[in-house]
Amino acid sequence: MTDQNSTEQFESQALTEHLRELRTCLIVSFVAVFLGFCASYAFIRPIGHRFFQPLTEVLPEGSSLIFTSYQEGFFFI
């Protein structure tokens, strides 16, 4: 019964109401992605160390990772 009511309500909305709802959903999605990016960027070093831990464990003593492009080293140094 509620599925039929929601379908009727959806069909009775005007185009501007659909666009308003879409805009609201997009804004909420962009804010959530931005906050997730900020939270992950705040913890970039622990995240990077966790990703590189298996590799650094098998490296010979006294050696380090090298990066072949500028953007690789920028985020983890």
Protein backbone atom coordinates (compact mmCIF):
# COMPACT_ATOMS: atom_id res chain seq x y z
CA MET A 1 0.00 0.00 0.00
CA THR A 2 2.75 2.48 0.81
CA ASP A 3 4.54 1.55 -2.41
CA GLN A 4 1.46 2.57 -4.41
CA ASN A 5 1.13 5.85 -2.46
CA SER A 6 4.77 6.74 -3.05
CA THR A 7 4.38 5.97 -6.76
CA GLU A 8 1.32 8.23 -6.98
CA GLN A 9 3.13 11.00 -5.10
CA PHE A 10 6.15 10.65 -7.41
CA GLU A 11 3.98 10.90 -10.52
CA SER A 12 2.05 13.88 -9.17
CA GLN A 13 5.15 16.01 -8.51
CA ALA A 14 5.91 18.81 -10.90
CA LEU A 15 9.20 18.94 -12.78
CA THR A 16 10.49 21.76 -10.59
CA GLU A 17 9.85 19.67 -7.49
CA HIS A 18 11.86 16.81 -9.00
CA LEU A 19 14.69 19.18 -9.84
CA ARG A 20 14.60 20.68 -6.33
CA GLU A 21 14.84 17.18 -4.83
CA LEU A 22 17.69 16.28 -7.19
CA ARG A 23 19.56 19.45 -6.24
CA THR A 24 19.17 18.64 -2.55
CA CYS A 25 20.46 15.09 -3.05
CA LEU A 26 23.44 16.32 -5.08
CA ILE A 27 24.37 18.93 -2.47
CA VAL A 28 24.20 16.36 0.33
CA SER A 29 26.31 13.93 -1.74
CA PHE A 30 28.97 16.55 -2.53
CA VAL A 31 29.18 17.59 1.13
CA ALA A 32 29.56 13.95 2.21
CA VAL A 33 32.32 13.33 -0.36
CA PHE A 34 34.10 16.55 0.67
CA LEU A 35 33.96 15.65 4.37
CA GLY A 36 35.21 12.14 3.61
CA PHE A 37 38.09 13.60 1.60
CA CYS A 38 39.00 16.00 4.41
CA ALA A 39 38.90 13.23 7.02
CA SER A 40 41.07 10.91 4.95
CA TYR A 41 43.53 13.70 4.07
CA ALA A 42 43.92 14.50 7.76
CA PHE A 43 45.12 10.92 8.34
CA ILE A 44 47.17 10.55 5.14
CA ARG A 45 50.39 9.51 6.88
CA PRO A 46 48.91 6.60 8.90
CA ILE A 47 46.95 5.48 5.84
CA GLY A 48 50.08 5.62 3.68
CA HIS A 49 52.17 3.74 6.24
CA ARG A 50 49.50 1.06 6.45
CA PHE A 51 49.41 0.64 2.66
CA PHE A 52 53.21 0.52 2.35
CA GLN A 53 53.83 -1.64 5.44
CA PRO A 54 54.00 -4.99 3.56
CA LEU A 55 56.47 -3.48 1.11
CA THR A 56 58.70 -1.82 3.71
CA GLU A 57 58.86 -5.05 5.74
CA VAL A 58 60.56 -6.92 2.86
CA LEU A 59 62.95 -4.11 1.86
CA PRO A 60 66.61 -4.60 2.79
CA GLU A 61 67.85 -2.84 5.93
CA GLY A 62 68.70 0.83 5.37
CA SER A 63 66.83 1.15 2.07
CA SER A 64 63.78 3.25 1.40
CA LEU A 65 61.01 3.60 -1.13
CA ILE A 66 61.60 5.62 -4.26
CA PHE A 67 58.89 7.31 -6.29
CA THR A 68 59.10 7.60 -10.06
CA SER A 69 56.88 10.64 -10.43
CA TYR A 70 56.43 13.84 -8.48
CA GLN A 71 52.83 13.28 -7.41
CA GLU A 72 53.58 9.89 -5.83
CA GLY A 73 56.02 11.25 -3.27
CA PHE A 74 54.04 14.39 -2.57
CA PHE A 75 51.30 12.58 -0.69
CA PHE A 76 53.38 10.19 1.39
CA ILE A 77 56.52 12.08 2.37
